Protein backbone atom coordinates (compact mmCIF):
# COMPACT_ATOMS: atom_id res chain seq x y z
CA MET A 1 -3.38 -16.33 -7.52
CA ALA A 2 -3.72 -20.21 -6.27
CA ASP A 3 -0.48 -21.32 -6.88
CA ILE A 4 0.61 -17.96 -4.83
CA PHE A 5 -1.17 -19.19 -2.19
CA SER A 6 0.35 -21.97 -2.15
CA GLU A 7 3.67 -21.24 -1.65
CA VAL A 8 3.16 -19.04 0.75
CA ASP A 9 1.34 -21.77 2.58
CA GLU A 10 4.30 -24.19 2.29
CA ASP A 11 6.88 -20.91 3.01
CA VAL A 12 4.63 -20.67 6.62
CA ARG A 13 5.42 -24.43 7.47
CA ASN A 14 9.09 -24.08 6.48
CA GLU A 15 10.99 -20.89 6.53
CA LYS A 16 11.84 -19.11 9.50
CA LEU A 17 10.49 -15.56 10.02
CA ASN A 18 13.03 -13.63 8.01
CA LYS A 19 12.70 -15.20 4.91
CA SER A 20 8.82 -14.80 5.29
CA TRP A 21 8.72 -11.22 6.13
CA ALA A 22 11.06 -10.22 2.83
CA LYS A 23 8.59 -12.60 0.83
CA TYR A 24 5.36 -11.39 2.01
CA SER A 25 6.38 -7.52 2.74
CA ILE A 26 7.00 -7.37 -1.23
CA VAL A 27 3.05 -9.04 -1.99
CA VAL A 28 1.52 -6.59 0.70
CA TYR A 29 3.46 -3.30 0.05
CA GLY A 30 2.71 -3.82 -3.98
CA ALA A 31 -0.75 -4.89 -3.33
CA ALA A 32 -1.37 -2.13 -0.75
CA ALA A 33 -0.10 0.54 -3.49
CA ALA A 34 -2.09 -1.13 -6.23
CA ILE A 35 -4.95 -0.60 -4.05
CA VAL A 36 -4.38 2.74 -3.28
CA LEU A 37 -3.43 4.23 -6.80
CA GLY A 38 -5.74 1.92 -8.40
CA THR A 39 -8.58 2.50 -6.39
CA ALA A 40 -7.93 6.32 -6.87
CA ALA A 41 -7.60 7.06 -10.37
CA TYR A 42 -10.45 5.26 -11.05
CA THR A 43 -12.48 7.18 -8.75
CA TYR A 44 -11.36 10.73 -10.28
CA LEU A 45 -10.82 9.73 -13.99
CA GLN A 46 -13.86 7.96 -14.53
CA HIS A 47 -16.45 10.21 -12.88
CA GLN A 48 -15.06 13.63 -14.71
CA LYS A 49 -17.18 14.40 -17.55
CA THR A 50 -15.57 17.49 -19.07
CA VAL A 51 -13.21 17.68 -22.35
CA ALA A 52 -10.89 19.18 -20.13
CA ALA A 53 -10.67 16.12 -17.95
CA GLU A 54 -10.86 13.47 -20.86
CA ALA A 55 -7.68 15.66 -21.92
CA ALA A 56 -5.97 15.32 -18.36
CA GLY A 57 -6.99 11.71 -18.54
CA ALA A 58 -4.99 10.87 -21.39
CA LYS A 59 -2.07 12.79 -20.35
CA PHE A 60 -2.11 10.71 -16.98
CA MET A 61 -2.28 7.30 -19.26
CA ALA A 62 0.12 8.59 -21.27
CA ALA A 63 2.31 9.07 -17.77
CA GLN A 64 1.17 5.83 -16.85
CA GLU A 65 2.77 4.25 -19.69
CA LEU A 66 6.53 5.78 -18.62
CA ALA A 67 6.20 3.89 -15.67
CA ARG A 68 5.20 0.67 -16.82
CA ALA A 69 8.35 0.97 -19.12
CA GLN A 70 10.35 1.63 -15.95
CA LYS A 71 10.82 4.88 -16.51
CA PRO A 72 10.53 6.35 -13.36
CA ALA A 73 12.38 9.73 -13.81
CA GLU A 74 10.54 10.70 -16.93
CA ALA A 75 7.42 9.49 -15.63
CA GLU A 76 7.59 11.37 -12.59
CA ALA A 77 7.99 14.83 -14.75
CA ALA A 78 5.18 13.58 -16.80
CA PHE A 79 2.53 13.37 -13.59
CA GLU A 80 4.23 16.52 -11.98
CA ALA A 81 3.30 18.66 -15.18
CA LEU A 82 -0.15 17.25 -15.36
CA ALA A 83 -0.20 18.22 -11.62
CA LYS A 84 0.23 22.06 -12.89
CA ASP A 85 -2.40 22.04 -14.93
CA SER A 86 -5.45 20.35 -13.68
CA ALA A 87 -8.04 20.40 -11.82
CA PRO A 88 -8.01 19.74 -7.95
CA GLY A 89 -8.91 16.26 -7.94
CA VAL A 90 -6.83 15.40 -10.95
CA ARG A 91 -3.57 17.29 -9.56
CA ALA A 92 -3.47 15.48 -6.48
CA LEU A 93 -4.15 12.28 -8.05
CA ALA A 94 -0.97 13.65 -10.18
CA LEU A 95 0.90 14.46 -7.32
CA LEU A 96 0.34 11.15 -5.80
CA ARG A 97 1.77 9.17 -8.83
CA ALA A 98 4.57 11.80 -9.40
CA ALA A 99 5.81 10.93 -5.61
CA GLN A 100 4.86 6.86 -5.83
CA GLU A 101 8.13 7.19 -9.20
CA GLN A 102 10.04 9.35 -7.18
CA SER A 103 10.28 6.67 -4.08
CA LEU A 104 12.03 4.46 -6.90
CA ILE A 105 14.53 6.41 -6.60
CA ASP A 106 14.48 9.04 -3.61
CA ARG A 107 12.26 7.54 -0.82
CA PRO A 108 13.05 10.02 2.06
CA GLY A 109 11.91 12.93 -0.73
CA ALA A 110 8.76 10.93 -1.85
CA VAL A 111 7.51 9.99 1.97
CA LYS A 112 7.64 14.28 2.50
CA VAL A 113 5.49 14.82 -0.67
CA PHE A 114 3.16 12.01 0.29
CA GLU A 115 2.98 13.74 4.28
CA THR A 116 1.95 17.26 2.62
CA ILE A 117 -0.38 16.13 -0.08
CA ALA A 118 -2.52 14.36 3.28
CA THR A 119 -2.24 17.15 5.03
CA ASP A 120 -3.54 19.57 2.30
CA ALA A 121 -7.24 20.83 2.67
CA LYS A 122 -7.21 21.17 -1.04
CA VAL A 123 -6.92 17.44 -1.44
CA PRO A 124 -10.10 15.25 -1.47
CA PRO A 125 -10.57 13.30 1.93
CA LEU A 126 -9.72 10.23 -0.08
CA LEU A 127 -7.08 11.41 -1.71
CA GLN A 128 -5.33 12.56 1.39
CA ASP A 129 -5.77 8.88 3.24
CA ALA A 130 -3.95 7.60 -0.11
CA ALA A 131 -1.60 9.46 0.98
CA ARG A 132 -1.18 9.21 4.38
CA LEU A 133 -0.83 4.99 3.54
CA ARG A 134 1.25 5.51 1.23
CA ALA A 135 3.88 7.20 3.22
CA GLY A 136 3.27 4.40 6.17
CA LEU A 137 4.08 1.87 3.39
CA LEU A 138 7.63 3.49 1.99
CA ARG A 139 8.08 3.96 6.28
CA ALA A 140 6.92 0.18 7.17
CA ASP A 141 10.26 -0.99 7.17
CA ASP A 142 12.01 1.40 9.07
CA ALA A 143 9.15 3.37 11.34
CA ASP A 144 9.20 2.16 15.00
CA LYS A 145 5.80 0.89 16.70
CA ALA A 146 4.59 4.46 17.81
CA GLU A 147 5.11 6.62 14.42
CA LEU A 148 3.64 3.56 11.91
CA GLU A 149 0.80 3.81 14.48
CA ASN A 150 0.68 7.36 14.34
CA ARG A 151 0.48 7.34 10.49
CA LEU A 152 -1.66 4.21 9.86
CA GLY A 153 -3.94 4.28 12.97
CA PRO A 154 -6.19 7.21 11.81
CA LEU A 155 -6.96 4.79 8.63
CA LEU A 156 -8.43 1.70 10.71
CA ASN A 157 -11.88 3.03 10.08
CA GLY A 158 -12.01 4.46 6.43
CA PRO A 159 -11.80 2.62 3.51
CA PHE A 160 -7.98 1.90 3.31
CA ARG A 161 -8.54 0.13 6.65
CA TYR A 162 -7.64 -3.36 5.52
CA SER A 163 -4.31 -2.29 3.92
CA ALA A 164 -3.65 -0.54 7.33
CA ARG A 165 -4.30 -3.07 9.26
CA GLU A 166 -2.26 -5.92 7.09
CA ILE A 167 0.90 -3.69 7.03
CA LEU A 168 0.90 -3.03 10.82
CA ALA A 169 0.25 -6.35 11.37
CA LEU A 170 3.09 -6.90 8.84
CA ALA A 171 5.62 -4.88 10.83
CA ALA A 172 4.80 -6.17 14.29
CA LEU A 173 5.76 -9.48 12.65
CA LYS A 174 8.87 -8.44 11.82
CA ARG A 175 9.79 -6.61 15.27
CA GLY A 176 8.85 -9.92 17.04
CA ALA A 177 5.34 -8.53 18.85
CA PHE A 178 3.50 -11.78 17.70
CA GLU A 179 0.53 -11.71 19.77
CA GLU A 180 0.18 -7.86 18.20
CA ALA A 181 0.26 -9.23 14.80
CA GLY A 182 -2.19 -12.17 15.44
CA ARG A 183 -4.87 -9.98 16.73
CA LEU A 184 -4.82 -7.55 13.86
CA LEU A 185 -4.66 -10.99 11.37
CA ASP A 186 -7.60 -12.05 13.22
CA GLN A 187 -9.43 -9.27 12.65
CA LEU A 188 -8.86 -9.26 8.74
CA ILE A 189 -9.61 -13.00 8.67
CA VAL A 190 -13.20 -12.63 10.50
CA ASP A 191 -14.30 -9.76 8.67
CA PRO A 192 -16.94 -10.80 5.88
CA GLN A 193 -15.38 -8.00 3.87
CA THR A 194 -11.54 -8.28 3.77
CA PRO A 195 -10.87 -8.99 0.26
CA ALA A 196 -9.77 -12.60 -0.36
CA SER A 197 -6.49 -12.83 -1.18
CA MET A 198 -5.85 -10.85 1.88
CA ARG A 199 -7.55 -12.54 4.18
CA GLN A 200 -5.59 -15.66 2.62
CA ARG A 201 -2.34 -13.74 3.02
CA ALA A 202 -3.63 -13.03 6.89
CA GLU A 203 -4.35 -16.75 7.53
CA ALA A 204 -0.75 -17.70 6.41
CA LEU A 205 0.64 -14.80 8.55
CA ALA A 206 -1.17 -15.41 11.41
CA SER A 207 0.12 -19.33 11.58
CA LEU A 208 3.60 -18.05 11.72
CA ALA A 209 2.36 -15.30 14.75
CA ARG A 210 0.84 -18.32 16.31
CA GLY A 211 4.52 -20.31 15.82
CA GLY A 212 6.46 -17.21 17.55
CA GLY A 213 7.93 -16.38 14.27
CA LYS A 214 8.92 -20.12 13.89
CA ALA A 215 8.10 -22.78 11.24
CA ALA A 216 5.18 -25.11 12.05
CA PRO A 217 7.03 -28.59 12.09
CA GLU A 218 5.54 -30.60 9.27
CA LYS A 219 3.17 -33.11 9.78
CA LYS A 220 5.00 -36.80 9.55
């Protein structure tokens, strides 16, 4: 990981905003998706002790293997099948994963599925928040400020606050709102509980924001 962030620092010194946006967005969105789905999976599959839950866990892992094999349509179908026969927590998690696979094929459709999960009173709060964040991730490239704040603002005081703040900062950078981006990034930098890798990204992006989206000249 150190090599990755050395490369990030080099980009901040030498590249323009558009190139940095393309590069950082992949890292940020990928990391946030992993946090959302990894945390949710661990919470629900590790704390269920019944035989039925163990069977559901095996089916979940089989569907995960299809996803790792880059077979999104098959993985989506497997997760949807699991959702039909599982307890509420596992059902919601399977629906989240099905929507993630759908997003690789049909992004607007996946956003609608995540929105449905986020407003389903039968879904546990953690997974509702996971769905809200995932929908925000999928809309981050196209949504305006008001839409993105409406989607991610409610998450800023919850378990996904760091990812939500990072996405808002990156979107602000993209639209040229450098002061806003800097404020959000500074909040990540000074918070002692911010994950180390995220703080490193925030520091690199904050340099870009302070430069008004322009790369700082190299020192001679």
